[in-house]
Amino acid sequence: MAVTVRLPGALRDAVGGDNKVTADGRTLGEVFADIERRHPGFRERVLDEEGRLRTYVNVYIGETDARTSGGLDAPVPQGSEVMVIPAMAGGVR
């Protein structure tokens, strides 16, 4: 099942400089595993040592936050767009 994964600038070097990649998988974990097979080191950039999404990485499947729909077990329908977005923090008050 092919899906498009859009990546922020901070992760593009992990996939050869592209801002999006095509991947296969029925779940978010399978999609990330497919990207990892072709681009070793990708998973460690988005997953922590326990294999969970890093706290500073937000992932959306379409408009749905992956954390609220199963995390790495979240279903990814064929043709979906997955967006990996780094969390933003900081600012001046």
PDB file of N, CA and C in Angstrom:
ATOM      1  N   MET A   1       0.834  -1.176   0.000  1.00  0.00           N
ATOM      2  CA  MET A   1       0.000   0.000   0.000  1.00  0.00           C
ATOM      3  C   MET A   1       0.882   1.243   0.000  1.00  0.00           C
ATOM      4  N   ALA A   2       0.905   1.973  -1.056  1.00  0.00           N
ATOM      5  CA  ALA A   2       1.767   3.146  -1.158  1.00  0.00           C
ATOM      6  C   ALA A   2       1.132   4.363  -0.498  1.00  0.00           C
ATOM      7  N   VAL A   3       1.944   5.060   0.278  1.00  0.00           N
ATOM      8  CA  VAL A   3       1.551   6.318   0.895  1.00  0.00           C
ATOM      9  C   VAL A   3       2.683   7.318   0.676  1.00  0.00           C
ATOM     10  N   THR A   4       2.360   8.607   0.776  1.00  0.00           N
ATOM     11  CA  THR A   4       3.359   9.653   0.664  1.00  0.00           C
ATOM     12  C   THR A   4       3.692  10.144   2.057  1.00  0.00           C
ATOM     13  N   VAL A   5       4.972  10.242   2.362  1.00  0.00           N
ATOM     14  CA  VAL A   5       5.421  10.734   3.668  1.00  0.00           C
ATOM     15  C   VAL A   5       6.157  12.043   3.429  1.00  0.00           C
ATOM     16  N   ARG A   6       5.610  13.131   3.962  1.00  0.00           N
ATOM     17  CA  ARG A   6       6.230  14.454   3.849  1.00  0.00           C
ATOM     18  C   ARG A   6       7.124  14.683   5.054  1.00  0.00           C
ATOM     19  N   LEU A   7       8.324  15.212   4.795  1.00  0.00           N
ATOM     20  CA  LEU A   7       9.334  15.340   5.842  1.00  0.00           C
ATOM     21  C   LEU A   7       9.783  16.790   6.016  1.00  0.00           C
ATOM     22  N   PRO A   8      10.088  17.180   7.253  1.00  0.00           N
ATOM     23  CA  PRO A   8      10.609  18.525   7.490  1.00  0.00           C
ATOM     24  C   PRO A   8      12.075  18.604   7.083  1.00  0.00           C
ATOM     25  N   GLY A   9      12.580  19.802   6.970  1.00  0.00           N
ATOM     26  CA  GLY A   9      13.978  19.999   6.592  1.00  0.00           C
ATOM     27  C   GLY A   9      14.948  19.233   7.467  1.00  0.00           C
ATOM     28  N   ALA A  10      14.650  19.134   8.752  1.00  0.00           N
ATOM     29  CA  ALA A  10      15.549  18.457   9.690  1.00  0.00           C
ATOM     30  C   ALA A  10      15.690  16.961   9.423  1.00  0.00           C
ATOM     31  N   LEU A  11      14.763  16.364   8.697  1.00  0.00           N
ATOM     32  CA  LEU A  11      14.833  14.924   8.413  1.00  0.00           C
ATOM     33  C   LEU A  11      15.190  14.605   6.968  1.00  0.00           C
ATOM     34  N   ARG A  12      15.269  15.597   6.145  1.00  0.00           N
ATOM     35  CA  ARG A  12      15.517  15.336   4.720  1.00  0.00           C
ATOM     36  C   ARG A  12      16.871  14.688   4.466  1.00  0.00           C
ATOM     37  N   ASP A  13      17.863  15.044   5.254  1.00  0.00           N
ATOM     38  CA  ASP A  13      19.172  14.419   5.062  1.00  0.00           C
ATOM     39  C   ASP A  13      19.133  12.917   5.340  1.00  0.00           C
ATOM     40  N   ALA A  14      18.176  12.476   6.144  1.00  0.00           N
ATOM     41  CA  ALA A  14      18.056  11.049   6.465  1.00  0.00           C
ATOM     42  C   ALA A  14      17.515  10.235   5.298  1.00  0.00           C
ATOM     43  N   VAL A  15      16.923  10.922   4.300  1.00  0.00           N
ATOM     44  CA  VAL A  15      16.351  10.218   3.154  1.00  0.00           C
ATOM     45  C   VAL A  15      16.934  10.714   1.836  1.00  0.00           C
ATOM     46  N   GLY A  16      18.131  11.224   1.877  1.00  0.00           N
ATOM     47  CA  GLY A  16      18.799  11.647   0.654  1.00  0.00           C
ATOM     48  C   GLY A  16      18.440  13.036   0.174  1.00  0.00           C
ATOM     49  N   GLY A  17      17.839  13.852   1.038  1.00  0.00           N
ATOM     50  CA  GLY A  17      17.544  15.234   0.698  1.00  0.00           C
ATOM     51  C   GLY A  17      16.140  15.499   0.186  1.00  0.00           C
ATOM     52  N   ASP A  18      15.335  14.466   0.032  1.00  0.00           N
ATOM     53  CA  ASP A  18      13.979  14.648  -0.491  1.00  0.00           C
ATOM     54  C   ASP A  18      13.036  15.208   0.573  1.00  0.00           C
ATOM     55  N   ASN A  19      12.036  15.996   0.140  1.00  0.00           N
ATOM     56  CA  ASN A  19      11.058  16.519   1.085  1.00  0.00           C
ATOM     57  C   ASN A  19       9.859  15.584   1.239  1.00  0.00           C
ATOM     58  N   LYS A  20       9.808  14.550   0.407  1.00  0.00           N
ATOM     59  CA  LYS A  20       8.784  13.521   0.556  1.00  0.00           C
ATOM     60  C   LYS A  20       9.296  12.211  -0.030  1.00  0.00           C
ATOM     61  N   VAL A  21       8.809  11.127   0.535  1.00  0.00           N
ATOM     62  CA  VAL A  21       9.155   9.792   0.050  1.00  0.00           C
ATOM     63  C   VAL A  21       7.871   8.977  -0.049  1.00  0.00           C
ATOM     64  N   THR A  22       7.908   7.962  -0.866  1.00  0.00           N
ATOM     65  CA  THR A  22       6.793   7.024  -0.964  1.00  0.00           C
ATOM     66  C   THR A  22       7.176   5.793  -0.161  1.00  0.00           C
ATOM     67  N   ALA A  23       6.219   5.263   0.593  1.00  0.00           N
ATOM     68  CA  ALA A  23       6.494   4.091   1.414  1.00  0.00           C
ATOM     69  C   ALA A  23       5.277   3.177   1.400  1.00  0.00           C
ATOM     70  N   ASP A  24       5.505   1.929   1.773  1.00  0.00           N
ATOM     71  CA  ASP A  24       4.437   0.942   1.868  1.00  0.00           C
ATOM     72  C   ASP A  24       4.229   0.556   3.315  1.00  0.00           C
ATOM     73  N   GLY A  25       2.995   0.235   3.655  1.00  0.00           N
ATOM     74  CA  GLY A  25       2.684  -0.236   4.996  1.00  0.00           C
ATOM     75  C   GLY A  25       1.229   0.000   5.325  1.00  0.00           C
ATOM     76  N   ARG A  26       0.700  -0.857   6.163  1.00  0.00           N
ATOM     77  CA  ARG A  26      -0.696  -0.720   6.601  1.00  0.00           C
ATOM     78  C   ARG A  26      -0.804   0.042   7.907  1.00  0.00           C
ATOM     79  N   THR A  27       0.313   0.129   8.637  1.00  0.00           N
ATOM     80  CA  THR A  27       0.348   0.891   9.877  1.00  0.00           C
ATOM     81  C   THR A  27       1.502   1.879   9.803  1.00  0.00           C
ATOM     82  N   LEU A  28       1.496   2.855  10.702  1.00  0.00           N
ATOM     83  CA  LEU A  28       2.582   3.823  10.720  1.00  0.00           C
ATOM     84  C   LEU A  28       3.915   3.124  10.976  1.00  0.00           C
ATOM     85  N   GLY A  29       3.938   2.141  11.860  1.00  0.00           N
ATOM     86  CA  GLY A  29       5.165   1.399  12.127  1.00  0.00           C
ATOM     87  C   GLY A  29       5.698   0.709  10.886  1.00  0.00           C
ATOM     88  N   GLU A  30       4.806   0.121  10.080  1.00  0.00           N
ATOM     89  CA  GLU A  30       5.223  -0.533   8.840  1.00  0.00           C
ATOM     90  C   GLU A  30       5.747   0.483   7.835  1.00  0.00           C
ATOM     91  N   VAL A  31       5.111   1.647   7.775  1.00  0.00           N
ATOM     92  CA  VAL A  31       5.571   2.698   6.865  1.00  0.00           C
ATOM     93  C   VAL A  31       6.982   3.132   7.259  1.00  0.00           C
ATOM     94  N   PHE A  32       7.207   3.383   8.551  1.00  0.00           N
ATOM     95  CA  PHE A  32       8.538   3.783   9.010  1.00  0.00           C
ATOM     96  C   PHE A  32       9.557   2.678   8.785  1.00  0.00           C
ATOM     97  N   ALA A  33       9.158   1.421   8.956  1.00  0.00           N
ATOM     98  CA  ALA A  33      10.074   0.302   8.715  1.00  0.00           C
ATOM     99  C   ALA A  33      10.460   0.233   7.240  1.00  0.00           C
ATOM    100  N   ASP A  34       9.512   0.515   6.350  1.00  0.00           N
ATOM    101  CA  ASP A  34       9.814   0.512   4.916  1.00  0.00           C
ATOM    102  C   ASP A  34      10.813   1.615   4.578  1.00  0.00           C
ATOM    103  N   ILE A  35      10.620   2.788   5.159  1.00  0.00           N
ATOM    104  CA  ILE A  35      11.577   3.881   4.926  1.00  0.00           C
ATOM    105  C   ILE A  35      12.946   3.496   5.487  1.00  0.00           C
ATOM    106  N   GLU A  36      12.972   2.881   6.655  1.00  0.00           N
ATOM    107  CA  GLU A  36      14.234   2.464   7.288  1.00  0.00           C
ATOM    108  C   GLU A  36      14.988   1.467   6.411  1.00  0.00           C
ATOM    109  N   ARG A  37      14.275   0.564   5.743  1.00  0.00           N
ATOM    110  CA  ARG A  37      14.937  -0.420   4.876  1.00  0.00           C
ATOM    111  C   ARG A  37      15.721   0.270   3.758  1.00  0.00           C
ATOM    112  N   ARG A  38      15.168   1.339   3.246  1.00  0.00           N
ATOM    113  CA  ARG A  38      15.820   2.060   2.145  1.00  0.00           C
ATOM    114  C   ARG A  38      16.752   3.168   2.616  1.00  0.00           C
ATOM    115  N   HIS A  39      16.515   3.650   3.838  1.00  0.00           N
ATOM    116  CA  HIS A  39      17.311   4.759   4.382  1.00  0.00           C
ATOM    117  C   HIS A  39      17.676   4.447   5.830  1.00  0.00           C
ATOM    118  N   PRO A  40      18.662   3.570   6.036  1.00  0.00           N
ATOM    119  CA  PRO A  40      19.054   3.197   7.396  1.00  0.00           C
ATOM    120  C   PRO A  40      19.373   4.433   8.238  1.00  0.00           C
ATOM    121  N   GLY A  41      18.858   4.415   9.461  1.00  0.00           N
ATOM    122  CA  GLY A  41      19.065   5.533  10.374  1.00  0.00           C
ATOM    123  C   GLY A  41      17.845   6.421  10.517  1.00  0.00           C
ATOM    124  N   PHE A  42      16.875   6.253   9.616  1.00  0.00           N
ATOM    125  CA  PHE A  42      15.663   7.081   9.679  1.00  0.00           C
ATOM    126  C   PHE A  42      14.901   6.856  10.981  1.00  0.00           C
ATOM    127  N   ARG A  43      14.670   5.607  11.337  1.00  0.00           N
ATOM    128  CA  ARG A  43      13.858   5.301  12.524  1.00  0.00           C
ATOM    129  C   ARG A  43      14.437   5.918  13.790  1.00  0.00           C
ATOM    130  N   GLU A  44      15.746   5.894  13.943  1.00  0.00           N
ATOM    131  CA  GLU A  44      16.324   6.451  15.171  1.00  0.00           C
ATOM    132  C   GLU A  44      16.133   7.957  15.263  1.00  0.00           C
ATOM    133  N   ARG A  45      15.838   8.588  14.152  1.00  0.00           N
ATOM    134  CA  ARG A  45      15.579  10.032  14.155  1.00  0.00           C
ATOM    135  C   ARG A  45      14.148  10.349  14.611  1.00  0.00           C
ATOM    136  N   VAL A  46      13.218   9.401  14.416  1.00  0.00           N
ATOM    137  CA  VAL A  46      11.821   9.661  14.771  1.00  0.00           C
ATOM    138  C   VAL A  46      11.325   8.824  15.949  1.00  0.00           C
ATOM    139  N   LEU A  47      12.033   7.749  16.281  1.00  0.00           N
ATOM    140  CA  LEU A  47      11.632   6.892  17.394  1.00  0.00           C
ATOM    141  C   LEU A  47      12.679   6.929  18.497  1.00  0.00           C
ATOM    142  N   ASP A  48      12.224   6.792  19.748  1.00  0.00           N
ATOM    143  CA  ASP A  48      13.158   6.789  20.868  1.00  0.00           C
ATOM    144  C   ASP A  48      13.738   5.389  21.078  1.00  0.00           C
ATOM    145  N   GLU A  49      14.507   5.231  22.140  1.00  0.00           N
ATOM    146  CA  GLU A  49      15.190   3.960  22.423  1.00  0.00           C
ATOM    147  C   GLU A  49      14.216   2.824  22.695  1.00  0.00           C
ATOM    148  N   GLU A  50      12.985   3.161  23.093  1.00  0.00           N
ATOM    149  CA  GLU A  50      11.974   2.142  23.377  1.00  0.00           C
ATOM    150  C   GLU A  50      11.068   1.884  22.174  1.00  0.00           C
ATOM    151  N   GLY A  51      11.384   2.527  21.045  1.00  0.00           N
ATOM    152  CA  GLY A  51      10.620   2.295  19.834  1.00  0.00           C
ATOM    153  C   GLY A  51       9.329   3.089  19.744  1.00  0.00           C
ATOM    154  N   ARG A  52       9.192   4.147  20.549  1.00  0.00           N
ATOM    155  CA  ARG A  52       8.010   5.015  20.495  1.00  0.00           C
ATOM    156  C   ARG A  52       8.355   6.311  19.784  1.00  0.00           C
ATOM    157  N   LEU A  53       7.332   6.987  19.292  1.00  0.00           N
ATOM    158  CA  LEU A  53       7.564   8.287  18.664  1.00  0.00           C
ATOM    159  C   LEU A  53       8.267   9.215  19.650  1.00  0.00           C
ATOM    160  N   ARG A  54       9.306   9.874  19.193  1.00  0.00           N
ATOM    161  CA  ARG A  54       9.997  10.840  20.044  1.00  0.00           C
ATOM    162  C   ARG A  54       9.019  11.945  20.423  1.00  0.00           C
ATOM    163  N   THR A  55       9.201  12.500  21.622  1.00  0.00           N
ATOM    164  CA  THR A  55       8.263  13.506  22.116  1.00  0.00           C
ATOM    165  C   THR A  55       8.241  14.760  21.255  1.00  0.00           C
ATOM    166  N   TYR A  56       9.330  15.060  20.582  1.00  0.00           N
ATOM    167  CA  TYR A  56       9.390  16.274  19.781  1.00  0.00           C
ATOM    168  C   TYR A  56       9.037  16.042  18.308  1.00  0.00           C
ATOM    169  N   VAL A  57       8.523  14.868  17.996  1.00  0.00           N
ATOM    170  CA  VAL A  57       8.111  14.558  16.622  1.00  0.00           C
ATOM    171  C   VAL A  57       6.602  14.329  16.613  1.00  0.00           C
ATOM    172  N   ASN A  58       5.910  15.127  15.826  1.00  0.00           N
ATOM    173  CA  ASN A  58       4.468  14.954  15.637  1.00  0.00           C
ATOM    174  C   ASN A  58       4.242  14.323  14.274  1.00  0.00           C
ATOM    175  N   VAL A  59       3.315  13.382  14.223  1.00  0.00           N
ATOM    176  CA  VAL A  59       3.025  12.691  12.969  1.00  0.00           C
ATOM    177  C   VAL A  59       1.517  12.725  12.742  1.00  0.00           C
ATOM    178  N   TYR A  60       1.154  13.121  11.545  1.00  0.00           N
ATOM    179  CA  TYR A  60      -0.258  13.156  11.158  1.00  0.00           C
ATOM    180  C   TYR A  60      -0.472  12.233   9.973  1.00  0.00           C
ATOM    181  N   ILE A  61      -1.554  11.481  10.046  1.00  0.00           N
ATOM    182  CA  ILE A  61      -1.985  10.642   8.942  1.00  0.00           C
ATOM    183  C   ILE A  61      -3.224  11.346   8.403  1.00  0.00           C
ATOM    184  N   GLY A  62      -3.062  12.005   7.277  1.00  0.00           N
ATOM    185  CA  GLY A  62      -4.109  12.911   6.830  1.00  0.00           C
ATOM    186  C   GLY A  62      -4.174  14.050   7.840  1.00  0.00           C
ATOM    187  N   GLU A  63      -5.320  14.269   8.436  1.00  0.00           N
ATOM    188  CA  GLU A  63      -5.475  15.316   9.439  1.00  0.00           C
ATOM    189  C   GLU A  63      -5.525  14.765  10.858  1.00  0.00           C
ATOM    190  N   THR A  64      -5.265  13.476  11.018  1.00  0.00           N
ATOM    191  CA  THR A  64      -5.375  12.825  12.316  1.00  0.00           C
ATOM    192  C   THR A  64      -4.017  12.656  12.968  1.00  0.00           C
ATOM    193  N   ASP A  65      -3.897  13.085  14.209  1.00  0.00           N
ATOM    194  CA  ASP A  65      -2.670  12.923  14.985  1.00  0.00           C
ATOM    195  C   ASP A  65      -2.463  11.434  15.243  1.00  0.00           C
ATOM    196  N   ALA A  66      -1.334  10.903  14.827  1.00  0.00           N
ATOM    197  CA  ALA A  66      -1.062   9.467  14.981  1.00  0.00           C
ATOM    198  C   ALA A  66      -1.076   9.027  16.435  1.00  0.00           C
ATOM    199  N   ARG A  67      -0.663   9.899  17.362  1.00  0.00           N
ATOM    200  CA  ARG A  67      -0.649   9.522  18.775  1.00  0.00           C
ATOM    201  C   ARG A  67      -2.050   9.214  19.294  1.00  0.00           C
ATOM    202  N   THR A  68      -3.057   9.900  18.776  1.00  0.00           N
ATOM    203  CA  THR A  68      -4.425   9.687  19.254  1.00  0.00           C
ATOM    204  C   THR A  68      -5.134   8.557  18.519  1.00  0.00           C
ATOM    205  N   SER A  69      -4.481   7.994  17.533  1.00  0.00           N
ATOM    206  CA  SER A  69      -5.124   6.909  16.782  1.00  0.00           C
ATOM    207  C   SER A  69      -4.298   5.629  16.759  1.00  0.00           C
ATOM    208  N   GLY A  70      -3.452   5.451  17.780  1.00  0.00           N
ATOM    209  CA  GLY A  70      -2.733   4.189  17.902  1.00  0.00           C
ATOM    210  C   GLY A  70      -1.230   4.267  17.820  1.00  0.00           C
ATOM    211  N   GLY A  71      -0.674   5.454  17.656  1.00  0.00           N
ATOM    212  CA  GLY A  71       0.786   5.578  17.570  1.00  0.00           C
ATOM    213  C   GLY A  71       1.312   4.817  16.373  1.00  0.00           C
ATOM    214  N   LEU A  72       2.295   3.970  16.587  1.00  0.00           N
ATOM    215  CA  LEU A  72       2.872   3.205  15.485  1.00  0.00           C
ATOM    216  C   LEU A  72       1.916   2.144  14.947  1.00  0.00           C
ATOM    217  N   ASP A  73       0.875   1.824  15.730  1.00  0.00           N
ATOM    218  CA  ASP A  73      -0.146   0.872  15.272  1.00  0.00           C
ATOM    219  C   ASP A  73      -1.277   1.563  14.512  1.00  0.00           C
ATOM    220  N   ALA A  74      -1.208   2.878  14.379  1.00  0.00           N
ATOM    221  CA  ALA A  74      -2.256   3.614  13.680  1.00  0.00           C
ATOM    222  C   ALA A  74      -2.353   3.139  12.238  1.00  0.00           C
ATOM    223  N   PRO A  75      -3.569   2.893  11.760  1.00  0.00           N
ATOM    224  CA  PRO A  75      -3.727   2.469  10.369  1.00  0.00           C
ATOM    225  C   PRO A  75      -3.397   3.600   9.405  1.00  0.00           C
ATOM    226  N   VAL A  76      -2.785   3.217   8.283  1.00  0.00           N
ATOM    227  CA  VAL A  76      -2.440   4.177   7.232  1.00  0.00           C
ATOM    228  C   VAL A  76      -3.098   3.674   5.944  1.00  0.00           C
ATOM    229  N   PRO A  77      -4.260   4.246   5.590  1.00  0.00           N
ATOM    230  CA  PRO A  77      -4.947   3.790   4.382  1.00  0.00           C
ATOM    231  C   PRO A  77      -4.120   4.053   3.123  1.00  0.00           C
ATOM    232  N   GLN A  78      -4.269   3.182   2.152  1.00  0.00           N
ATOM    233  CA  GLN A  78      -3.574   3.333   0.875  1.00  0.00           C
ATOM    234  C   GLN A  78      -3.869   4.718   0.302  1.00  0.00           C
ATOM    235  N   GLY A  79      -2.829   5.356  -0.209  1.00  0.00           N
ATOM    236  CA  GLY A  79      -2.972   6.671  -0.802  1.00  0.00           C
ATOM    237  C   GLY A  79      -2.924   7.818   0.190  1.00  0.00           C
ATOM    238  N   SER A  80      -2.779   7.515   1.465  1.00  0.00           N
ATOM    239  CA  SER A  80      -2.740   8.556   2.491  1.00  0.00           C
ATOM    240  C   SER A  80      -1.487   9.405   2.382  1.00  0.00           C
ATOM    241  N   GLU A  81      -1.566  10.561   3.018  1.00  0.00           N
ATOM    242  CA  GLU A  81      -0.394  11.406   3.170  1.00  0.00           C
ATOM    243  C   GLU A  81      -0.049  11.439   4.658  1.00  0.00           C
ATOM    244  N   VAL A  82       1.183  11.098   4.962  1.00  0.00           N
ATOM    245  CA  VAL A  82       1.688  11.137   6.328  1.00  0.00           C
ATOM    246  C   VAL A  82       2.626  12.331   6.423  1.00  0.00           C
ATOM    247  N   MET A  83       2.421  13.154   7.439  1.00  0.00           N
ATOM    248  CA  MET A  83       3.290  14.316   7.632  1.00  0.00           C
ATOM    249  C   MET A  83       4.036  14.171   8.944  1.00  0.00           C
ATOM    250  N   VAL A  84       5.353  14.297   8.882  1.00  0.00           N
ATOM    251  CA  VAL A  84       6.198  14.263  10.065  1.00  0.00           C
ATOM    252  C   VAL A  84       6.579  15.715  10.334  1.00  0.00           C
ATOM    253  N   ILE A  85       6.222  16.197  11.526  1.00  0.00           N
ATOM    254  CA  ILE A  85       6.414  17.604  11.852  1.00  0.00           C
ATOM    255  C   ILE A  85       7.149  17.706  13.187  1.00  0.00           C
ATOM    256  N   PRO A  86       8.261  18.440  13.231  1.00  0.00           N
ATOM    257  CA  PRO A  86       8.952  18.611  14.509  1.00  0.00           C
ATOM    258  C   PRO A  86       8.142  19.536  15.409  1.00  0.00           C
ATOM    259  N   ALA A  87       8.120  19.238  16.692  1.00  0.00           N
ATOM    260  CA  ALA A  87       7.422  20.093  17.661  1.00  0.00           C
ATOM    261  C   ALA A  87       8.163  21.412  17.771  1.00  0.00           C
ATOM    262  N   MET A  88       7.413  22.463  17.948  1.00  0.00           N
ATOM    263  CA  MET A  88       7.994  23.790  18.089  1.00  0.00           C
ATOM    264  C   MET A  88       7.901  24.218  19.556  1.00  0.00           C
ATOM    265  N   ALA A  89       8.916  24.879  20.026  1.00  0.00           N
ATOM    266  CA  ALA A  89       8.917  25.381  21.390  1.00  0.00           C
ATOM    267  C   ALA A  89       9.732  26.660  21.434  1.00  0.00           C
ATOM    268  N   GLY A  90       9.569  27.357  22.511  1.00  0.00           N
ATOM    269  CA  GLY A  90      10.372  28.575  22.682  1.00  0.00           C
ATOM    270  C   GLY A  90       9.530  29.809  22.503  1.00  0.00           C
ATOM    271  N   GLY A  91      10.217  30.923  22.369  1.00  0.00           N
ATOM    272  CA  GLY A  91       9.517  32.190  22.211  1.00  0.00           C
ATOM    273  C   GLY A  91       9.850  33.117  23.355  1.00  0.00           C
ATOM    274  N   VAL A  92       9.387  34.326  23.245  1.00  0.00           N
ATOM    275  CA  VAL A  92       9.634  35.335  24.251  1.00  0.00           C
ATOM    276  C   VAL A  92       8.310  35.820  24.783  1.00  0.00           C
ATOM    277  N   ARG A  93       8.236  35.957  26.082  1.00  0.00           N
ATOM    278  CA  ARG A  93       7.002  36.468  26.715  1.00  0.00           C
ATOM    279  C   ARG A  93       7.238  37.851  27.210  1.00  0.00           C
TER     280      ARG A  93
END
